[in-house]
Amino acid sequence: MIQTRKQGILFGIIMSYAMAYGMEVYNMAIKMGFSLQLGGFSNMTNIVFWEALKEASYMALFVFLFSNLWGNRIGAGFAARHCDPQKDHPYFCQLMRQGGTVAVMCPTMSLVASILFNVILAGAPWVELPAIWVGTVMKNFPMAFFRNFFAAAPFSHWLFSRLCH
């Protein structure tokens, strides 16, 4: 359980890197064409992990920044509207907060990625940004949702508990 601001920052860093790295592995595998091959992602090679680590090293900084500016607050507000800590199980309230946060952070980070990777680095016209962004959200949201619920959050809570207790 997070009890101090310093612990909150530590947990935020762990969670930001856990989400960013997983999403970069997913997106790098797609970029390298593994999703289009016969057998799909099962044909991935280890180079995906290295390339994803390089991108996650800076994308996690954006995750940390935007989650602290608005993602966590909006996620907490979503949870407050959909669960009552006095009546509902604490885990249900935690899941509602995670779901609300993903619902904000996925479009936010998809916009960052669309601008950075498609417009700035790949030279797509700015006028195409809305379509690129919507397509990026459509691609990333299912993975972000399930990654958060079943991998990044459990891992982050586990690591945080080992470091702080």
N, C-alpha and C. Protein backbone atom coordinates (compact mmCIF):
# COMPACT_ATOMS: atom_id res chain seq x y z
N MET A 1 0.83 -1.18 0.00
CA MET A 1 0.00 0.00 0.00
C MET A 1 0.89 1.25 0.00
N ILE A 2 0.59 2.17 -0.86
CA ILE A 2 1.36 3.41 -0.96
C ILE A 2 0.98 4.31 0.21
N GLN A 3 2.01 4.74 0.97
CA GLN A 3 1.75 5.54 2.16
C GLN A 3 2.39 6.93 2.13
N THR A 4 3.39 7.13 1.28
CA THR A 4 4.06 8.42 1.22
C THR A 4 4.16 8.89 -0.23
N ARG A 5 4.46 10.16 -0.39
CA ARG A 5 4.63 10.71 -1.75
C ARG A 5 5.80 10.04 -2.46
N LYS A 6 6.88 9.78 -1.73
CA LYS A 6 8.04 9.12 -2.31
C LYS A 6 7.66 7.71 -2.81
N GLN A 7 6.86 6.99 -2.04
CA GLN A 7 6.39 5.67 -2.46
C GLN A 7 5.49 5.79 -3.70
N GLY A 8 4.66 6.82 -3.73
CA GLY A 8 3.80 7.05 -4.89
C GLY A 8 4.60 7.28 -6.15
N ILE A 9 5.68 8.04 -6.02
CA ILE A 9 6.56 8.30 -7.17
C ILE A 9 7.23 7.01 -7.61
N LEU A 10 7.72 6.22 -6.66
CA LEU A 10 8.36 4.95 -6.99
C LEU A 10 7.38 4.01 -7.70
N PHE A 11 6.17 3.88 -7.16
CA PHE A 11 5.18 3.03 -7.79
C PHE A 11 4.86 3.55 -9.20
N GLY A 12 4.74 4.86 -9.35
CA GLY A 12 4.46 5.45 -10.66
C GLY A 12 5.53 5.16 -11.68
N ILE A 13 6.79 5.20 -11.25
CA ILE A 13 7.90 4.89 -12.15
C ILE A 13 7.85 3.42 -12.57
N ILE A 14 7.64 2.54 -11.60
CA ILE A 14 7.56 1.10 -11.91
C ILE A 14 6.43 0.83 -12.89
N MET A 15 5.25 1.38 -12.59
CA MET A 15 4.09 1.14 -13.43
C MET A 15 4.28 1.75 -14.82
N SER A 16 4.85 2.93 -14.90
CA SER A 16 5.08 3.59 -16.19
C SER A 16 5.99 2.75 -17.08
N TYR A 17 7.08 2.23 -16.51
CA TYR A 17 7.99 1.42 -17.31
C TYR A 17 7.38 0.06 -17.64
N ALA A 18 6.61 -0.52 -16.72
CA ALA A 18 5.96 -1.81 -17.00
C ALA A 18 4.97 -1.68 -18.15
N MET A 19 4.18 -0.62 -18.15
CA MET A 19 3.22 -0.42 -19.24
C MET A 19 3.94 -0.06 -20.54
N ALA A 20 4.88 0.87 -20.47
CA ALA A 20 5.56 1.32 -21.69
C ALA A 20 6.31 0.16 -22.35
N TYR A 21 7.01 -0.62 -21.58
CA TYR A 21 7.79 -1.71 -22.18
C TYR A 21 6.87 -2.74 -22.84
N GLY A 22 5.83 -3.14 -22.16
CA GLY A 22 4.91 -4.11 -22.74
C GLY A 22 4.26 -3.60 -24.01
N MET A 23 3.84 -2.35 -24.00
CA MET A 23 3.20 -1.78 -25.19
C MET A 23 4.21 -1.63 -26.32
N GLU A 24 5.45 -1.32 -26.00
CA GLU A 24 6.48 -1.20 -27.04
C GLU A 24 6.83 -2.56 -27.63
N VAL A 25 6.83 -3.62 -26.82
CA VAL A 25 7.05 -4.96 -27.37
C VAL A 25 5.95 -5.27 -28.38
N TYR A 26 4.72 -5.00 -27.99
CA TYR A 26 3.56 -5.25 -28.86
C TYR A 26 3.67 -4.45 -30.16
N ASN A 27 3.90 -3.16 -30.04
CA ASN A 27 3.96 -2.30 -31.22
C ASN A 27 5.19 -2.58 -32.08
N MET A 28 6.31 -2.92 -31.46
CA MET A 28 7.52 -3.24 -32.22
C MET A 28 7.32 -4.54 -33.00
N ALA A 29 6.65 -5.51 -32.40
CA ALA A 29 6.38 -6.77 -33.11
C ALA A 29 5.48 -6.52 -34.31
N ILE A 30 4.50 -5.63 -34.15
CA ILE A 30 3.64 -5.27 -35.28
C ILE A 30 4.45 -4.54 -36.34
N LYS A 31 5.26 -3.58 -35.91
CA LYS A 31 6.08 -2.79 -36.85
C LYS A 31 7.03 -3.69 -37.64
N MET A 32 7.54 -4.73 -37.00
CA MET A 32 8.47 -5.64 -37.67
C MET A 32 7.74 -6.69 -38.51
N GLY A 33 6.42 -6.65 -38.50
CA GLY A 33 5.64 -7.51 -39.38
C GLY A 33 5.30 -8.89 -38.84
N PHE A 34 5.59 -9.16 -37.57
CA PHE A 34 5.32 -10.49 -37.03
C PHE A 34 3.83 -10.82 -37.01
N SER A 35 2.99 -9.81 -36.81
CA SER A 35 1.55 -10.06 -36.75
C SER A 35 0.98 -10.49 -38.11
N LEU A 36 1.70 -10.23 -39.19
CA LEU A 36 1.23 -10.55 -40.53
C LEU A 36 1.74 -11.90 -41.04
N GLN A 37 2.67 -12.48 -40.33
CA GLN A 37 3.25 -13.75 -40.77
C GLN A 37 2.34 -14.92 -40.39
N LEU A 38 2.47 -16.01 -41.10
CA LEU A 38 1.78 -17.23 -40.74
C LEU A 38 2.29 -17.64 -39.36
N GLY A 39 1.42 -17.80 -38.42
CA GLY A 39 1.83 -18.09 -37.04
C GLY A 39 1.84 -16.85 -36.17
N GLY A 40 1.75 -15.67 -36.78
CA GLY A 40 1.63 -14.41 -36.06
C GLY A 40 2.75 -14.13 -35.07
N PHE A 41 2.35 -13.65 -33.91
CA PHE A 41 3.32 -13.24 -32.89
C PHE A 41 4.19 -14.40 -32.40
N SER A 42 3.76 -15.62 -32.65
CA SER A 42 4.56 -16.78 -32.24
C SER A 42 5.90 -16.84 -32.97
N ASN A 43 6.04 -16.08 -34.04
CA ASN A 43 7.29 -16.04 -34.81
C ASN A 43 8.24 -14.93 -34.34
N MET A 44 7.87 -14.22 -33.29
CA MET A 44 8.72 -13.13 -32.80
C MET A 44 10.13 -13.61 -32.51
N THR A 45 11.09 -12.72 -32.70
CA THR A 45 12.47 -13.01 -32.35
C THR A 45 12.90 -12.07 -31.24
N ASN A 46 14.02 -12.37 -30.61
CA ASN A 46 14.48 -11.60 -29.46
C ASN A 46 14.81 -10.15 -29.77
N ILE A 47 15.08 -9.82 -31.01
CA ILE A 47 15.39 -8.44 -31.36
C ILE A 47 14.24 -7.50 -31.00
N VAL A 48 13.02 -8.02 -30.98
CA VAL A 48 11.86 -7.22 -30.60
C VAL A 48 12.05 -6.66 -29.20
N PHE A 49 12.53 -7.48 -28.28
CA PHE A 49 12.68 -7.04 -26.89
C PHE A 49 13.71 -5.92 -26.76
N TRP A 50 14.81 -6.01 -27.51
CA TRP A 50 15.84 -4.98 -27.47
C TRP A 50 15.34 -3.67 -28.07
N GLU A 51 14.70 -3.75 -29.23
CA GLU A 51 14.19 -2.54 -29.87
C GLU A 51 13.10 -1.89 -29.01
N ALA A 52 12.26 -2.70 -28.40
CA ALA A 52 11.21 -2.18 -27.52
C ALA A 52 11.81 -1.52 -26.29
N LEU A 53 12.87 -2.08 -25.76
CA LEU A 53 13.52 -1.50 -24.58
C LEU A 53 14.06 -0.11 -24.89
N LYS A 54 14.62 0.06 -26.09
CA LYS A 54 15.14 1.37 -26.47
C LYS A 54 14.00 2.40 -26.52
N GLU A 55 12.87 2.05 -27.14
CA GLU A 55 11.76 3.00 -27.23
C GLU A 55 11.10 3.21 -25.87
N ALA A 56 10.97 2.16 -25.09
CA ALA A 56 10.33 2.29 -23.77
C ALA A 56 11.13 3.18 -22.84
N SER A 57 12.44 3.25 -23.06
CA SER A 57 13.27 4.07 -22.17
C SER A 57 12.84 5.53 -22.14
N TYR A 58 12.35 6.04 -23.27
CA TYR A 58 11.86 7.42 -23.27
C TYR A 58 10.34 7.50 -23.27
N MET A 59 9.64 6.52 -23.82
CA MET A 59 8.17 6.58 -23.81
C MET A 59 7.63 6.49 -22.39
N ALA A 60 8.32 5.77 -21.51
CA ALA A 60 7.88 5.67 -20.12
C ALA A 60 7.91 7.03 -19.42
N LEU A 61 8.80 7.90 -19.85
CA LEU A 61 8.82 9.26 -19.28
C LEU A 61 7.54 10.00 -19.63
N PHE A 62 7.06 9.84 -20.86
CA PHE A 62 5.77 10.44 -21.24
C PHE A 62 4.63 9.82 -20.44
N VAL A 63 4.66 8.50 -20.27
CA VAL A 63 3.62 7.83 -19.48
C VAL A 63 3.60 8.40 -18.06
N PHE A 64 4.76 8.49 -17.44
CA PHE A 64 4.85 9.00 -16.07
C PHE A 64 4.34 10.44 -16.00
N LEU A 65 4.75 11.27 -16.94
CA LEU A 65 4.34 12.68 -16.96
C LEU A 65 2.82 12.81 -17.10
N PHE A 66 2.26 12.19 -18.15
CA PHE A 66 0.82 12.36 -18.42
C PHE A 66 -0.06 11.64 -17.40
N SER A 67 0.42 10.55 -16.85
CA SER A 67 -0.39 9.89 -15.81
C SER A 67 -0.44 10.76 -14.56
N ASN A 68 0.65 11.45 -14.27
CA ASN A 68 0.64 12.34 -13.10
C ASN A 68 -0.09 13.65 -13.36
N LEU A 69 -0.09 14.12 -14.59
CA LEU A 69 -0.80 15.36 -14.89
C LEU A 69 -2.31 15.17 -14.91
N TRP A 70 -2.79 14.07 -15.54
CA TRP A 70 -4.24 13.89 -15.60
C TRP A 70 -4.71 12.43 -15.58
N GLY A 71 -3.93 11.49 -16.03
CA GLY A 71 -4.39 10.11 -16.12
C GLY A 71 -4.83 9.51 -14.80
N ASN A 72 -4.00 9.64 -13.77
CA ASN A 72 -4.33 9.08 -12.46
C ASN A 72 -5.53 9.78 -11.83
N ARG A 73 -5.60 11.09 -11.99
CA ARG A 73 -6.72 11.85 -11.40
C ARG A 73 -8.05 11.47 -12.04
N ILE A 74 -8.06 11.37 -13.36
CA ILE A 74 -9.30 11.02 -14.05
C ILE A 74 -9.67 9.57 -13.74
N GLY A 75 -8.67 8.70 -13.67
CA GLY A 75 -8.92 7.31 -13.29
C GLY A 75 -9.51 7.20 -11.90
N ALA A 76 -9.01 8.00 -10.97
CA ALA A 76 -9.56 8.01 -9.61
C ALA A 76 -10.98 8.55 -9.61
N GLY A 77 -11.25 9.56 -10.42
CA GLY A 77 -12.60 10.10 -10.53
C GLY A 77 -13.57 9.09 -11.11
N PHE A 78 -13.12 8.33 -12.09
CA PHE A 78 -13.94 7.26 -12.68
C PHE A 78 -14.29 6.23 -11.60
N ALA A 79 -13.28 5.83 -10.84
CA ALA A 79 -13.51 4.85 -9.78
C ALA A 79 -14.48 5.39 -8.74
N ALA A 80 -14.35 6.66 -8.39
CA ALA A 80 -15.23 7.25 -7.38
C ALA A 80 -16.69 7.25 -7.85
N ARG A 81 -16.90 7.36 -9.15
CA ARG A 81 -18.28 7.35 -9.67
C ARG A 81 -18.85 5.94 -9.78
N HIS A 82 -17.99 4.93 -9.85
CA HIS A 82 -18.46 3.57 -10.12
C HIS A 82 -18.27 2.59 -8.98
N CYS A 83 -17.66 3.00 -7.92
CA CYS A 83 -17.54 2.10 -6.77
C CYS A 83 -17.61 2.90 -5.48
N ASP A 84 -18.09 2.26 -4.44
CA ASP A 84 -18.21 2.86 -3.12
C ASP A 84 -17.29 2.08 -2.18
N PRO A 85 -16.19 2.69 -1.74
CA PRO A 85 -15.25 1.97 -0.88
C PRO A 85 -15.88 1.42 0.41
N GLN A 86 -17.00 2.02 0.82
CA GLN A 86 -17.68 1.54 2.02
C GLN A 86 -18.48 0.26 1.76
N LYS A 87 -18.91 0.07 0.51
CA LYS A 87 -19.76 -1.08 0.19
C LYS A 87 -19.06 -2.11 -0.70
N ASP A 88 -18.24 -1.64 -1.61
CA ASP A 88 -17.63 -2.52 -2.60
C ASP A 88 -16.29 -3.07 -2.11
N HIS A 89 -15.92 -4.21 -2.64
CA HIS A 89 -14.64 -4.83 -2.32
C HIS A 89 -13.51 -3.90 -2.78
N PRO A 90 -12.44 -3.75 -1.99
CA PRO A 90 -11.34 -2.87 -2.39
C PRO A 90 -10.72 -3.23 -3.74
N TYR A 91 -10.68 -4.53 -4.04
CA TYR A 91 -10.11 -4.93 -5.33
C TYR A 91 -10.97 -4.44 -6.49
N PHE A 92 -12.29 -4.45 -6.32
CA PHE A 92 -13.18 -3.93 -7.35
C PHE A 92 -12.90 -2.44 -7.57
N CYS A 93 -12.72 -1.70 -6.50
CA CYS A 93 -12.43 -0.26 -6.62
C CYS A 93 -11.08 -0.04 -7.31
N GLN A 94 -10.11 -0.89 -7.00
CA GLN A 94 -8.81 -0.80 -7.67
C GLN A 94 -8.96 -1.05 -9.16
N LEU A 95 -9.74 -2.07 -9.53
CA LEU A 95 -9.95 -2.36 -10.95
C LEU A 95 -10.67 -1.22 -11.66
N MET A 96 -11.61 -0.59 -10.99
CA MET A 96 -12.31 0.55 -11.59
C MET A 96 -11.34 1.70 -11.83
N ARG A 97 -10.43 1.90 -10.89
CA ARG A 97 -9.43 2.96 -11.07
C ARG A 97 -8.51 2.63 -12.23
N GLN A 98 -8.07 1.38 -12.32
CA GLN A 98 -7.21 0.96 -13.43
C GLN A 98 -7.93 1.15 -14.76
N GLY A 99 -9.18 0.72 -14.82
CA GLY A 99 -9.94 0.85 -16.07
C GLY A 99 -10.10 2.30 -16.48
N GLY A 100 -10.41 3.17 -15.52
CA GLY A 100 -10.55 4.59 -15.82
C GLY A 100 -9.24 5.20 -16.28
N THR A 101 -8.15 4.78 -15.67
CA THR A 101 -6.84 5.31 -16.04
C THR A 101 -6.45 4.85 -17.45
N VAL A 102 -6.69 3.57 -17.77
CA VAL A 102 -6.39 3.07 -19.11
C VAL A 102 -7.23 3.81 -20.15
N ALA A 103 -8.49 4.09 -19.81
CA ALA A 103 -9.38 4.77 -20.76
C ALA A 103 -8.89 6.17 -21.10
N VAL A 104 -8.09 6.76 -20.24
CA VAL A 104 -7.51 8.09 -20.49
C VAL A 104 -6.11 7.98 -21.07
N MET A 105 -5.31 7.10 -20.49
CA MET A 105 -3.90 7.03 -20.88
C MET A 105 -3.69 6.40 -22.25
N CYS A 106 -4.51 5.45 -22.65
CA CYS A 106 -4.32 4.85 -23.97
C CYS A 106 -4.51 5.89 -25.08
N PRO A 107 -5.60 6.67 -25.09
CA PRO A 107 -5.70 7.71 -26.12
C PRO A 107 -4.59 8.77 -26.01
N THR A 108 -4.20 9.09 -24.78
CA THR A 108 -3.13 10.08 -24.59
C THR A 108 -1.83 9.58 -25.19
N MET A 109 -1.43 8.38 -24.81
CA MET A 109 -0.15 7.85 -25.31
C MET A 109 -0.22 7.49 -26.79
N SER A 110 -1.40 7.13 -27.28
CA SER A 110 -1.55 6.89 -28.71
C SER A 110 -1.36 8.18 -29.50
N LEU A 111 -1.80 9.30 -28.93
CA LEU A 111 -1.58 10.59 -29.58
C LEU A 111 -0.09 10.92 -29.59
N VAL A 112 0.58 10.72 -28.46
CA VAL A 112 2.03 10.97 -28.39
C VAL A 112 2.75 10.11 -29.43
N ALA A 113 2.42 8.83 -29.48
CA ALA A 113 3.08 7.92 -30.42
C ALA A 113 2.76 8.29 -31.87
N SER A 114 1.52 8.68 -32.13
CA SER A 114 1.13 9.07 -33.49
C SER A 114 1.92 10.28 -33.96
N ILE A 115 2.04 11.27 -33.10
CA ILE A 115 2.80 12.48 -33.45
C ILE A 115 4.27 12.15 -33.64
N LEU A 116 4.84 11.43 -32.67
CA LEU A 116 6.27 11.14 -32.70
C LEU A 116 6.65 10.20 -33.83
N PHE A 117 6.02 9.03 -33.89
CA PHE A 117 6.46 8.00 -34.82
C PHE A 117 5.91 8.16 -36.23
N ASN A 118 4.68 8.65 -36.35
CA ASN A 118 4.07 8.74 -37.68
C ASN A 118 4.31 10.09 -38.35
N VAL A 119 4.10 11.16 -37.60
CA VAL A 119 4.21 12.50 -38.21
C VAL A 119 5.65 12.98 -38.21
N ILE A 120 6.28 13.02 -37.05
CA ILE A 120 7.64 13.59 -36.97
C ILE A 120 8.67 12.67 -37.62
N LEU A 121 8.71 11.41 -37.21
CA LEU A 121 9.77 10.51 -37.71
C LEU A 121 9.46 9.90 -39.07
N ALA A 122 8.19 9.62 -39.35
CA ALA A 122 7.85 8.97 -40.63
C ALA A 122 7.36 9.96 -41.69
N GLY A 123 7.14 11.22 -41.32
CA GLY A 123 6.79 12.23 -42.29
C GLY A 123 5.35 12.25 -42.77
N ALA A 124 4.45 11.60 -42.02
CA ALA A 124 3.03 11.66 -42.42
C ALA A 124 2.54 13.10 -42.30
N PRO A 125 1.63 13.52 -43.16
CA PRO A 125 1.11 14.90 -43.08
C PRO A 125 0.30 15.11 -41.80
N TRP A 126 0.46 16.30 -41.22
CA TRP A 126 -0.27 16.65 -39.98
C TRP A 126 -1.78 16.52 -40.16
N VAL A 127 -2.26 16.77 -41.37
CA VAL A 127 -3.70 16.72 -41.63
C VAL A 127 -4.24 15.30 -41.44
N GLU A 128 -3.39 14.30 -41.54
CA GLU A 128 -3.79 12.90 -41.34
C GLU A 128 -3.75 12.46 -39.88
N LEU A 129 -3.28 13.34 -39.00
CA LEU A 129 -3.12 12.97 -37.58
C LEU A 129 -4.40 12.43 -36.95
N PRO A 130 -5.58 13.03 -37.16
CA PRO A 130 -6.78 12.44 -36.53
C PRO A 130 -7.01 10.98 -36.90
N ALA A 131 -6.87 10.64 -38.18
CA ALA A 131 -7.08 9.26 -38.61
C ALA A 131 -5.99 8.34 -38.06
N ILE A 132 -4.75 8.81 -38.08
CA ILE A 132 -3.64 8.02 -37.54
C ILE A 132 -3.87 7.76 -36.06
N TRP A 133 -4.30 8.80 -35.33
CA TRP A 133 -4.53 8.68 -33.89
C TRP A 133 -5.64 7.68 -33.59
N VAL A 134 -6.77 7.80 -34.29
CA VAL A 134 -7.88 6.87 -34.06
C VAL A 134 -7.44 5.44 -34.36
N GLY A 135 -6.71 5.24 -35.45
CA GLY A 135 -6.22 3.90 -35.77
C GLY A 135 -5.27 3.37 -34.72
N THR A 136 -4.44 4.24 -34.16
CA THR A 136 -3.49 3.83 -33.12
C THR A 136 -4.23 3.46 -31.85
N VAL A 137 -5.25 4.22 -31.48
CA VAL A 137 -6.05 3.87 -30.30
C VAL A 137 -6.74 2.52 -30.52
N MET A 138 -7.31 2.32 -31.70
CA MET A 138 -7.99 1.05 -32.00
C MET A 138 -7.04 -0.14 -31.88
N LYS A 139 -5.81 0.05 -32.32
CA LYS A 139 -4.81 -1.02 -32.25
C LYS A 139 -4.36 -1.25 -30.81
N ASN A 140 -4.15 -0.16 -30.06
CA ASN A 140 -3.51 -0.27 -28.75
C ASN A 140 -4.46 -0.52 -27.58
N PHE A 141 -5.72 -0.07 -27.68
CA PHE A 141 -6.58 -0.14 -26.49
C PHE A 141 -6.77 -1.55 -25.94
N PRO A 142 -7.10 -2.54 -26.77
CA PRO A 142 -7.28 -3.87 -26.18
C PRO A 142 -6.02 -4.37 -25.47
N MET A 143 -4.86 -4.17 -26.07
CA MET A 143 -3.61 -4.61 -25.44
C MET A 143 -3.34 -3.81 -24.17
N ALA A 144 -3.55 -2.51 -24.19
CA ALA A 144 -3.30 -1.68 -23.00
C ALA A 144 -4.21 -2.11 -21.85
N PHE A 145 -5.47 -2.37 -22.16
CA PHE A 145 -6.42 -2.78 -21.12
C PHE A 145 -5.98 -4.09 -20.47
N PHE A 146 -5.76 -5.11 -21.29
CA PHE A 146 -5.41 -6.41 -20.74
C PHE A 146 -4.00 -6.42 -20.15
N ARG A 147 -3.08 -5.70 -20.74
CA ARG A 147 -1.73 -5.62 -20.18
C ARG A 147 -1.77 -4.98 -18.80
N ASN A 148 -2.53 -3.90 -18.66
CA ASN A 148 -2.62 -3.24 -17.36
C ASN A 148 -3.21 -4.17 -16.32
N PHE A 149 -4.34 -4.78 -16.64
CA PHE A 149 -5.05 -5.60 -15.66
C PHE A 149 -4.32 -6.88 -15.29
N PHE A 150 -3.69 -7.53 -16.27
CA PHE A 150 -3.16 -8.86 -16.03
C PHE A 150 -1.64 -8.97 -15.99
N ALA A 151 -0.92 -7.92 -16.30
CA ALA A 151 0.54 -8.00 -16.29
C ALA A 151 1.17 -6.81 -15.57
N ALA A 152 0.99 -5.60 -16.08
CA ALA A 152 1.71 -4.45 -15.53
C ALA A 152 1.31 -4.13 -14.09
N ALA A 153 0.02 -4.09 -13.81
CA ALA A 153 -0.41 -3.76 -12.43
C ALA A 153 0.01 -4.85 -11.44
N PRO A 154 -0.25 -6.14 -11.73
CA PRO A 154 0.21 -7.15 -10.77
C PRO A 154 1.73 -7.13 -10.57
N PHE A 155 2.48 -6.99 -11.67
CA PHE A 155 3.94 -6.92 -11.55
C PHE A 155 4.37 -5.71 -10.74
N SER A 156 3.77 -4.54 -11.02
CA SER A 156 4.14 -3.31 -10.32
C SER A 156 3.82 -3.41 -8.83
N HIS A 157 2.68 -3.96 -8.49
CA HIS A 157 2.33 -4.14 -7.07
C HIS A 157 3.29 -5.12 -6.39
N TRP A 158 3.62 -6.20 -7.10
CA TRP A 158 4.55 -7.19 -6.55
C TRP A 158 5.93 -6.56 -6.29
N LEU A 159 6.48 -5.88 -7.31
CA LEU A 159 7.80 -5.28 -7.17
C LEU A 159 7.79 -4.19 -6.10
N PHE A 160 6.77 -3.36 -6.10
CA PHE A 160 6.66 -2.30 -5.10
C PHE A 160 6.64 -2.89 -3.70
N SER A 161 5.87 -3.96 -3.50
CA SER A 161 5.79 -4.56 -2.16
C SER A 161 7.14 -5.14 -1.74
N ARG A 162 7.92 -5.64 -2.69
CA ARG A 162 9.25 -6.18 -2.36
C ARG A 162 10.23 -5.05 -2.02
N LEU A 163 10.08 -3.91 -2.66
CA LEU A 163 11.00 -2.81 -2.43
C LEU A 163 10.66 -1.99 -1.18
N CYS A 164 9.39 -1.94 -0.82
CA CYS A 164 8.96 -1.02 0.25
C CYS A 164 8.47 -1.68 1.53
N HIS A 165 8.44 -2.99 1.58
CA HIS A 165 7.93 -3.62 2.80
C HIS A 165 8.80 -4.73 3.28
